[in-house]
């Protein structure tokens, strides 16, 4: 996460002049989905997925059903399965850098100058 944050911070500092709010939002959504996919891939086995989904507050019957799915990684990352369990708030607590908010902050600072 630190490397991603460093890269994005530099990129925003370079391109803050452009009006890219919508593009930044799309990239933010894509990156969160990519991180969820990475987490799902790390869990590898269905048993591990079920256990981790339960830890994240998903009911046992639903965790079993979702943990044993045969859908691909990218598809799972965009489904309610991970959106409900690995929420944006949990990603933020884990250190996810919300770069559209940072982009807006920088734009406001420079528009006041």
N, C-alpha and C. Protein backbone atom coordinates (compact mmCIF):
# COMPACT_ATOMS: atom_id res chain seq x y z
N UNK A 1 0.83 -1.20 0.00
CA UNK A 1 0.00 0.00 0.00
C UNK A 1 0.87 1.25 0.00
N UNK A 2 2.01 1.19 0.64
CA UNK A 2 2.88 2.36 0.72
C UNK A 2 3.41 2.74 -0.66
N UNK A 3 3.76 1.73 -1.45
CA UNK A 3 4.27 1.99 -2.81
C UNK A 3 3.17 2.59 -3.69
N UNK A 4 1.97 2.06 -3.57
CA UNK A 4 0.83 2.58 -4.35
C UNK A 4 0.56 4.02 -3.95
N UNK A 5 0.56 4.28 -2.66
CA UNK A 5 0.31 5.63 -2.15
C UNK A 5 1.36 6.61 -2.66
N UNK A 6 2.61 6.22 -2.64
CA UNK A 6 3.70 7.07 -3.12
C UNK A 6 3.55 7.38 -4.61
N UNK A 7 3.23 6.37 -5.38
CA UNK A 7 3.06 6.54 -6.82
C UNK A 7 1.89 7.48 -7.13
N UNK A 8 0.77 7.26 -6.48
CA UNK A 8 -0.43 8.07 -6.72
C UNK A 8 -0.22 9.51 -6.28
N UNK A 9 0.43 9.70 -5.15
CA UNK A 9 0.69 11.05 -4.66
C UNK A 9 1.53 11.84 -5.67
N UNK A 10 2.54 11.21 -6.23
CA UNK A 10 3.37 11.86 -7.24
C UNK A 10 2.58 12.16 -8.50
N UNK A 11 1.75 11.22 -8.88
CA UNK A 11 0.95 11.38 -10.10
C UNK A 11 -0.04 12.53 -9.94
N UNK A 12 -0.68 12.61 -8.79
CA UNK A 12 -1.65 13.69 -8.53
C UNK A 12 -0.93 15.04 -8.51
N UNK A 13 0.25 15.08 -7.89
CA UNK A 13 1.00 16.32 -7.85
C UNK A 13 1.37 16.83 -9.23
N UNK A 14 1.56 15.92 -10.14
CA UNK A 14 1.93 16.30 -11.51
C UNK A 14 0.72 16.72 -12.34
N UNK A 15 -0.40 16.01 -12.17
CA UNK A 15 -1.57 16.23 -13.02
C UNK A 15 -2.71 16.98 -12.34
N UNK A 16 -2.49 17.61 -11.19
CA UNK A 16 -3.60 18.23 -10.46
C UNK A 16 -4.26 19.36 -11.24
N UNK A 17 -3.57 19.97 -12.19
CA UNK A 17 -4.11 21.09 -12.96
C UNK A 17 -5.29 20.66 -13.81
N UNK A 18 -5.22 19.45 -14.34
CA UNK A 18 -6.28 18.96 -15.23
C UNK A 18 -7.57 18.71 -14.44
N UNK A 19 -8.70 18.84 -15.12
CA UNK A 19 -9.99 18.56 -14.50
C UNK A 19 -10.29 17.08 -14.72
N UNK A 20 -9.98 16.26 -13.72
CA UNK A 20 -10.05 14.81 -13.86
C UNK A 20 -10.85 14.14 -12.77
N UNK A 21 -11.80 14.82 -12.21
CA UNK A 21 -12.55 14.28 -11.07
C UNK A 21 -13.19 12.93 -11.40
N UNK A 22 -13.88 12.86 -12.52
CA UNK A 22 -14.57 11.62 -12.90
C UNK A 22 -13.56 10.49 -13.17
N UNK A 23 -12.48 10.83 -13.85
CA UNK A 23 -11.45 9.83 -14.14
C UNK A 23 -10.83 9.31 -12.85
N UNK A 24 -10.57 10.21 -11.90
CA UNK A 24 -10.01 9.81 -10.62
C UNK A 24 -10.96 8.87 -9.88
N UNK A 25 -12.24 9.16 -9.94
CA UNK A 25 -13.23 8.31 -9.28
C UNK A 25 -13.25 6.91 -9.91
N UNK A 26 -13.18 6.85 -11.24
CA UNK A 26 -13.17 5.56 -11.92
C UNK A 26 -11.92 4.76 -11.56
N UNK A 27 -10.79 5.42 -11.52
CA UNK A 27 -9.54 4.74 -11.16
C UNK A 27 -9.57 4.27 -9.71
N UNK A 28 -10.17 5.06 -8.85
CA UNK A 28 -10.30 4.68 -7.44
C UNK A 28 -11.14 3.40 -7.31
N UNK A 29 -12.25 3.34 -8.03
CA UNK A 29 -13.10 2.16 -8.01
C UNK A 29 -12.36 0.94 -8.54
N UNK A 30 -11.62 1.14 -9.64
CA UNK A 30 -10.87 0.04 -10.23
C UNK A 30 -9.81 -0.46 -9.26
N UNK A 31 -9.09 0.44 -8.61
CA UNK A 31 -8.02 0.05 -7.70
C UNK A 31 -8.56 -0.68 -6.48
N UNK A 32 -9.68 -0.22 -5.93
CA UNK A 32 -10.29 -0.93 -4.79
C UNK A 32 -10.68 -2.34 -5.20
N UNK A 33 -11.24 -2.48 -6.40
CA UNK A 33 -11.62 -3.81 -6.89
C UNK A 33 -10.38 -4.69 -7.06
N UNK A 34 -9.31 -4.11 -7.56
CA UNK A 34 -8.06 -4.84 -7.75
C UNK A 34 -7.50 -5.31 -6.41
N UNK A 35 -7.58 -4.47 -5.40
CA UNK A 35 -7.09 -4.84 -4.07
C UNK A 35 -7.94 -5.97 -3.49
N UNK A 36 -9.26 -5.87 -3.68
CA UNK A 36 -10.14 -6.96 -3.21
C UNK A 36 -9.80 -8.27 -3.92
N UNK A 37 -9.50 -8.20 -5.21
CA UNK A 37 -9.13 -9.39 -5.96
C UNK A 37 -7.84 -9.98 -5.40
N UNK A 38 -6.89 -9.13 -5.09
CA UNK A 38 -5.63 -9.57 -4.53
C UNK A 38 -5.84 -10.27 -3.18
N UNK A 39 -6.70 -9.71 -2.35
CA UNK A 39 -7.01 -10.33 -1.05
C UNK A 39 -7.66 -11.69 -1.26
N UNK A 40 -8.62 -11.77 -2.16
CA UNK A 40 -9.32 -13.03 -2.45
C UNK A 40 -8.33 -14.08 -2.94
N UNK A 41 -7.39 -13.68 -3.79
CA UNK A 41 -6.37 -14.60 -4.30
C UNK A 41 -5.49 -15.11 -3.17
N UNK A 42 -5.18 -14.26 -2.20
CA UNK A 42 -4.33 -14.67 -1.09
C UNK A 42 -4.99 -15.75 -0.24
N UNK A 43 -6.30 -15.75 -0.19
CA UNK A 43 -7.01 -16.71 0.64
C UNK A 43 -7.02 -18.11 0.04
N UNK A 44 -6.66 -18.26 -1.21
CA UNK A 44 -6.48 -19.48 -1.99
C UNK A 44 -7.54 -20.57 -1.82
N UNK A 45 -7.61 -21.23 -0.67
CA UNK A 45 -8.50 -22.38 -0.51
C UNK A 45 -9.89 -21.97 -0.03
N UNK A 46 -10.91 -22.73 -0.44
CA UNK A 46 -12.28 -22.42 0.00
C UNK A 46 -12.43 -22.38 1.52
N UNK A 47 -11.75 -23.27 2.22
CA UNK A 47 -11.83 -23.31 3.68
C UNK A 47 -11.33 -22.00 4.28
N UNK A 48 -10.22 -21.49 3.76
CA UNK A 48 -9.66 -20.22 4.24
C UNK A 48 -10.59 -19.07 3.92
N UNK A 49 -11.19 -19.10 2.74
CA UNK A 49 -12.13 -18.05 2.34
C UNK A 49 -13.33 -18.02 3.27
N UNK A 50 -13.86 -19.18 3.57
CA UNK A 50 -15.02 -19.26 4.47
C UNK A 50 -14.66 -18.71 5.85
N UNK A 51 -13.53 -19.12 6.38
CA UNK A 51 -13.10 -18.64 7.70
C UNK A 51 -12.94 -17.13 7.71
N UNK A 52 -12.29 -16.60 6.69
CA UNK A 52 -12.05 -15.15 6.65
C UNK A 52 -13.33 -14.35 6.44
N UNK A 53 -14.24 -14.89 5.64
CA UNK A 53 -15.53 -14.21 5.46
C UNK A 53 -16.30 -14.17 6.78
N UNK A 54 -16.24 -15.27 7.55
CA UNK A 54 -16.89 -15.29 8.85
C UNK A 54 -16.27 -14.25 9.78
N UNK A 55 -14.94 -14.13 9.75
CA UNK A 55 -14.25 -13.13 10.58
C UNK A 55 -14.69 -11.72 10.22
N UNK A 56 -15.04 -11.53 8.96
CA UNK A 56 -15.46 -10.20 8.49
C UNK A 56 -16.95 -9.94 8.74
N UNK A 57 -17.61 -10.87 9.40
CA UNK A 57 -19.00 -10.64 9.81
C UNK A 57 -20.06 -11.20 8.88
N UNK A 58 -19.68 -12.05 7.95
CA UNK A 58 -20.67 -12.67 7.05
C UNK A 58 -21.25 -13.90 7.76
N UNK A 59 -22.58 -14.09 7.72
CA UNK A 59 -23.19 -15.27 8.36
C UNK A 59 -22.58 -16.57 7.81
N UNK A 60 -22.53 -17.60 8.64
CA UNK A 60 -21.87 -18.86 8.30
C UNK A 60 -22.39 -19.48 7.01
N UNK A 61 -23.72 -19.53 6.85
CA UNK A 61 -24.28 -20.17 5.65
C UNK A 61 -23.88 -19.40 4.39
N UNK A 62 -23.84 -18.08 4.49
CA UNK A 62 -23.48 -17.26 3.34
C UNK A 62 -21.97 -17.34 3.07
N UNK A 63 -21.19 -17.38 4.13
CA UNK A 63 -19.74 -17.49 3.98
C UNK A 63 -19.39 -18.81 3.29
N UNK A 64 -20.08 -19.89 3.67
CA UNK A 64 -19.84 -21.19 3.03
C UNK A 64 -20.19 -21.14 1.55
N UNK A 65 -21.33 -20.54 1.25
CA UNK A 65 -21.78 -20.44 -0.14
C UNK A 65 -20.81 -19.59 -0.97
N UNK A 66 -20.43 -18.44 -0.44
CA UNK A 66 -19.54 -17.53 -1.16
C UNK A 66 -18.12 -18.06 -1.24
N UNK A 67 -17.66 -18.68 -0.16
CA UNK A 67 -16.29 -19.19 -0.13
C UNK A 67 -16.04 -20.33 -1.09
N UNK A 68 -17.11 -21.03 -1.46
CA UNK A 68 -16.98 -22.17 -2.38
C UNK A 68 -17.39 -21.83 -3.80
N UNK A 69 -17.47 -20.57 -4.13
CA UNK A 69 -17.88 -20.18 -5.47
C UNK A 69 -16.81 -20.55 -6.50
N UNK A 70 -17.22 -20.74 -7.73
CA UNK A 70 -16.28 -21.09 -8.80
C UNK A 70 -16.03 -19.91 -9.74
N UNK A 71 -16.55 -18.76 -9.39
CA UNK A 71 -16.35 -17.59 -10.23
C UNK A 71 -14.89 -17.16 -10.20
N UNK A 72 -14.46 -16.47 -11.25
CA UNK A 72 -13.07 -16.02 -11.34
C UNK A 72 -12.78 -14.90 -10.36
N UNK A 73 -11.48 -14.62 -10.16
CA UNK A 73 -11.05 -13.62 -9.19
C UNK A 73 -11.61 -12.23 -9.47
N UNK A 74 -11.51 -11.80 -10.71
CA UNK A 74 -11.97 -10.44 -11.05
C UNK A 74 -13.48 -10.31 -10.86
N UNK A 75 -14.20 -11.35 -11.22
CA UNK A 75 -15.65 -11.32 -11.09
C UNK A 75 -16.07 -11.28 -9.62
N UNK A 76 -15.40 -12.05 -8.79
CA UNK A 76 -15.68 -12.04 -7.36
C UNK A 76 -15.37 -10.67 -6.76
N UNK A 77 -14.26 -10.07 -7.20
CA UNK A 77 -13.85 -8.77 -6.66
C UNK A 77 -14.90 -7.70 -6.92
N UNK A 78 -15.66 -7.82 -7.98
CA UNK A 78 -16.69 -6.84 -8.30
C UNK A 78 -18.08 -7.22 -7.81
N UNK A 79 -18.19 -8.35 -7.18
CA UNK A 79 -19.50 -8.83 -6.73
C UNK A 79 -19.80 -8.38 -5.30
N UNK A 80 -21.05 -8.53 -4.88
CA UNK A 80 -21.41 -8.16 -3.50
C UNK A 80 -20.68 -8.99 -2.44
N UNK A 81 -20.15 -10.13 -2.84
CA UNK A 81 -19.45 -11.00 -1.89
C UNK A 81 -18.35 -10.22 -1.18
N UNK A 82 -17.49 -9.59 -1.92
CA UNK A 82 -16.38 -8.86 -1.29
C UNK A 82 -16.73 -7.42 -0.98
N UNK A 83 -17.70 -6.85 -1.69
CA UNK A 83 -18.11 -5.48 -1.39
C UNK A 83 -18.76 -5.39 -0.01
N UNK A 84 -19.45 -6.45 0.39
CA UNK A 84 -20.10 -6.48 1.70
C UNK A 84 -19.13 -6.83 2.82
N UNK A 85 -18.13 -7.65 2.51
CA UNK A 85 -17.21 -8.09 3.55
C UNK A 85 -15.98 -7.20 3.65
N UNK A 86 -15.38 -6.87 2.53
CA UNK A 86 -14.21 -5.97 2.54
C UNK A 86 -14.71 -4.61 2.07
N UNK A 87 -15.27 -3.86 2.98
CA UNK A 87 -15.89 -2.57 2.64
C UNK A 87 -14.82 -1.50 2.42
N UNK A 88 -15.24 -0.38 1.87
CA UNK A 88 -14.33 0.75 1.65
C UNK A 88 -13.76 1.24 2.98
N UNK A 89 -14.58 1.20 4.03
CA UNK A 89 -14.13 1.64 5.34
C UNK A 89 -13.03 0.73 5.87
N UNK A 90 -13.18 -0.58 5.66
CA UNK A 90 -12.16 -1.52 6.11
C UNK A 90 -10.88 -1.34 5.31
N UNK A 91 -11.02 -1.04 4.04
CA UNK A 91 -9.82 -0.77 3.23
C UNK A 91 -9.12 0.48 3.73
N UNK A 92 -9.88 1.50 4.09
CA UNK A 92 -9.30 2.74 4.61
C UNK A 92 -8.56 2.48 5.93
N UNK A 93 -9.16 1.66 6.79
CA UNK A 93 -8.49 1.31 8.06
C UNK A 93 -7.20 0.53 7.82
N UNK A 94 -7.16 -0.22 6.72
CA UNK A 94 -5.96 -1.00 6.38
C UNK A 94 -4.90 -0.15 5.70
N UNK A 95 -5.22 1.12 5.44
CA UNK A 95 -4.22 2.01 4.86
C UNK A 95 -4.46 2.39 3.42
N UNK A 96 -5.65 2.09 2.89
CA UNK A 96 -5.94 2.45 1.50
C UNK A 96 -5.98 3.97 1.37
N UNK A 97 -5.32 4.47 0.36
CA UNK A 97 -5.18 5.91 0.12
C UNK A 97 -6.30 6.37 -0.81
N UNK A 98 -7.20 7.20 -0.30
CA UNK A 98 -8.33 7.70 -1.09
C UNK A 98 -7.84 8.87 -1.95
N UNK A 99 -7.35 8.56 -3.14
CA UNK A 99 -6.73 9.62 -3.93
C UNK A 99 -7.68 10.62 -4.57
N UNK A 100 -8.95 10.32 -4.84
CA UNK A 100 -9.82 11.40 -5.31
C UNK A 100 -9.99 12.51 -4.28
N UNK A 101 -10.03 12.14 -3.00
CA UNK A 101 -10.13 13.16 -1.94
C UNK A 101 -8.86 13.99 -1.89
N UNK A 102 -7.73 13.35 -2.04
CA UNK A 102 -6.45 14.06 -2.05
C UNK A 102 -6.36 14.98 -3.27
N UNK A 103 -6.83 14.51 -4.40
CA UNK A 103 -6.85 15.30 -5.63
C UNK A 103 -7.68 16.57 -5.43
N UNK A 104 -8.85 16.43 -4.83
CA UNK A 104 -9.72 17.59 -4.57
C UNK A 104 -9.06 18.57 -3.60
N UNK A 105 -8.40 18.04 -2.58
CA UNK A 105 -7.71 18.88 -1.61
C UNK A 105 -6.62 19.72 -2.29
N UNK A 106 -5.82 19.09 -3.12
CA UNK A 106 -4.75 19.79 -3.82
C UNK A 106 -5.32 20.83 -4.78
N UNK A 107 -6.39 20.49 -5.47
CA UNK A 107 -7.01 21.44 -6.41
C UNK A 107 -7.53 22.66 -5.66
N UNK A 108 -8.15 22.44 -4.49
CA UNK A 108 -8.66 23.56 -3.70
C UNK A 108 -7.53 24.45 -3.21
N UNK A 109 -6.45 23.83 -2.76
CA UNK A 109 -5.31 24.59 -2.26
C UNK A 109 -4.73 25.49 -3.35
N UNK A 110 -4.59 24.94 -4.55
CA UNK A 110 -3.97 25.69 -5.64
C UNK A 110 -4.92 26.69 -6.29
N UNK A 111 -6.22 26.46 -6.15
CA UNK A 111 -7.17 27.44 -6.71
C UNK A 111 -7.24 28.68 -5.82
N UNK A 112 -6.94 28.51 -4.52
CA UNK A 112 -6.93 29.65 -3.59
C UNK A 112 -5.67 30.50 -3.72
N UNK A 113 -4.62 29.93 -4.31
CA UNK A 113 -3.36 30.67 -4.47
C UNK A 113 -3.42 31.67 -5.59
